Each structure stands twice: as C-alpha cells, then as structure tokens.
Amino acid sequence: MSQQTVEQLRANLAANLKSLRAARGYAQDALALDSGVHRTMLSKIERCLTNPSLSTLVRLANTLDVAVSELLQHRQ
C-alpha cells in the first residue's frame, strides 16, 4: 500500500463526500442538519480548504452510512 500525502487524502475526501452526498440525495444544508456539521464546514471540506477533525469525519460517515475509510480512499 502506498503512502498518501495529506493533500491526496484531502482531495479524496472532497470528491468522495460530494459524490456520496449527491448519490444519497443530500443538499449541503440537509447533510449539515442531519450530521450536526455546519454547512460552511461541509463546503470547505468539499473544496479542500480545511482538515476536518476525526469527530467530524465520524459524524459524516455515520450520516452517509459508510465507513470513515470510504471517505478517504481513492476511487478510480
């Protein structure tokens, strides 16, 4: 397994969060409400502008019904 840089993980997270959110029919506002993560934080994560805390990743993963690792993995 190759070691990923923080930038790569942040880009994976941004793409996966946006894709999973859309696939489940969530607007940012709705995901924010259901997960307890502020909408502006979601926007910053999706634009690779912030590094979310582990608790934020867990809340998002739980709301989207995926493992935290799925949010961070590279998808082909």
Protein backbone atom coordinates (compact mmCIF):
# COMPACT_ATOMS: atom_id res chain seq x y z
CA MET A 1 0.00 0.00 0.00
CA SER A 2 1.46 3.35 -0.98
CA GLN A 3 1.57 6.17 1.50
CA GLN A 4 -0.71 9.06 0.59
CA THR A 5 0.02 12.68 1.25
CA VAL A 6 -2.30 14.87 3.26
CA GLU A 7 -3.19 16.70 0.06
CA GLN A 8 -4.18 13.46 -1.66
CA LEU A 9 -6.32 12.41 1.29
CA ARG A 10 -7.96 15.83 1.40
CA ALA A 11 -8.73 15.61 -2.33
CA ASN A 12 -10.14 12.08 -1.91
CA LEU A 13 -12.31 13.24 0.98
CA ALA A 14 -13.61 16.22 -1.01
CA ALA A 15 -14.54 14.13 -4.03
CA ASN A 16 -16.00 11.24 -2.02
CA LEU A 17 -18.05 13.46 0.27
CA LYS A 18 -19.54 15.36 -2.64
CA SER A 19 -20.24 12.17 -4.60
CA LEU A 20 -21.78 10.28 -1.67
CA ARG A 21 -23.84 13.30 -0.64
CA ALA A 22 -25.26 13.64 -4.15
CA ALA A 23 -25.84 9.89 -4.53
CA ARG A 24 -27.92 9.90 -1.36
CA GLY A 25 -29.90 12.95 -2.43
CA TYR A 26 -28.49 15.30 0.19
CA ALA A 27 -28.08 19.02 -0.34
CA GLN A 28 -25.35 20.53 1.83
CA ASP A 29 -27.96 22.08 4.13
CA ALA A 30 -29.72 18.75 4.69
CA LEU A 31 -26.48 16.84 5.35
CA ALA A 32 -25.41 19.59 7.74
CA LEU A 33 -28.67 19.30 9.65
CA ASP A 34 -28.60 15.50 9.83
CA SER A 35 -24.91 15.22 10.72
CA GLY A 36 -24.54 18.22 13.02
CA VAL A 37 -21.68 19.55 10.87
CA HIS A 38 -22.12 23.19 9.87
CA ARG A 39 -22.88 23.79 6.19
CA THR A 40 -19.91 26.11 5.75
CA MET A 41 -17.64 23.36 7.11
CA LEU A 42 -19.08 20.92 4.57
CA SER A 43 -18.46 23.43 1.82
CA LYS A 44 -14.86 23.93 2.95
CA ILE A 45 -14.27 20.17 3.09
CA GLU A 46 -15.69 19.71 -0.42
CA ARG A 47 -13.41 22.49 -1.70
CA CYS A 48 -10.27 21.12 0.04
CA LEU A 49 -9.97 24.22 2.21
CA THR A 50 -9.92 22.57 5.64
CA ASN A 51 -8.85 19.47 7.52
CA PRO A 52 -11.86 18.16 9.43
CA SER A 53 -11.47 16.60 12.85
CA LEU A 54 -11.90 12.89 13.40
CA SER A 55 -15.22 13.51 15.14
CA THR A 56 -16.45 15.43 12.08
CA LEU A 57 -15.41 12.57 9.79
CA VAL A 58 -17.22 10.07 12.03
CA ARG A 59 -20.42 12.16 12.06
CA LEU A 60 -20.38 12.49 8.27
CA ALA A 61 -19.61 8.81 7.73
CA ASN A 62 -22.39 7.75 10.11
CA THR A 63 -24.90 10.02 8.43
CA LEU A 64 -23.92 8.77 4.97
CA ASP A 65 -23.86 5.17 6.24
CA VAL A 66 -20.27 4.48 5.20
CA ALA A 67 -17.01 3.75 6.99
CA VAL A 68 -14.65 6.66 7.59
CA SER A 69 -12.14 4.83 5.40
CA GLU A 70 -14.56 5.08 2.46
CA LEU A 71 -14.48 8.85 2.76
CA LEU A 72 -10.69 8.85 2.48
CA GLN A 73 -9.98 6.17 -0.10
CA HIS A 74 -9.01 6.92 -3.68
CA ARG A 75 -11.66 5.90 -6.20
CA GLN A 76 -10.85 5.06 -9.79
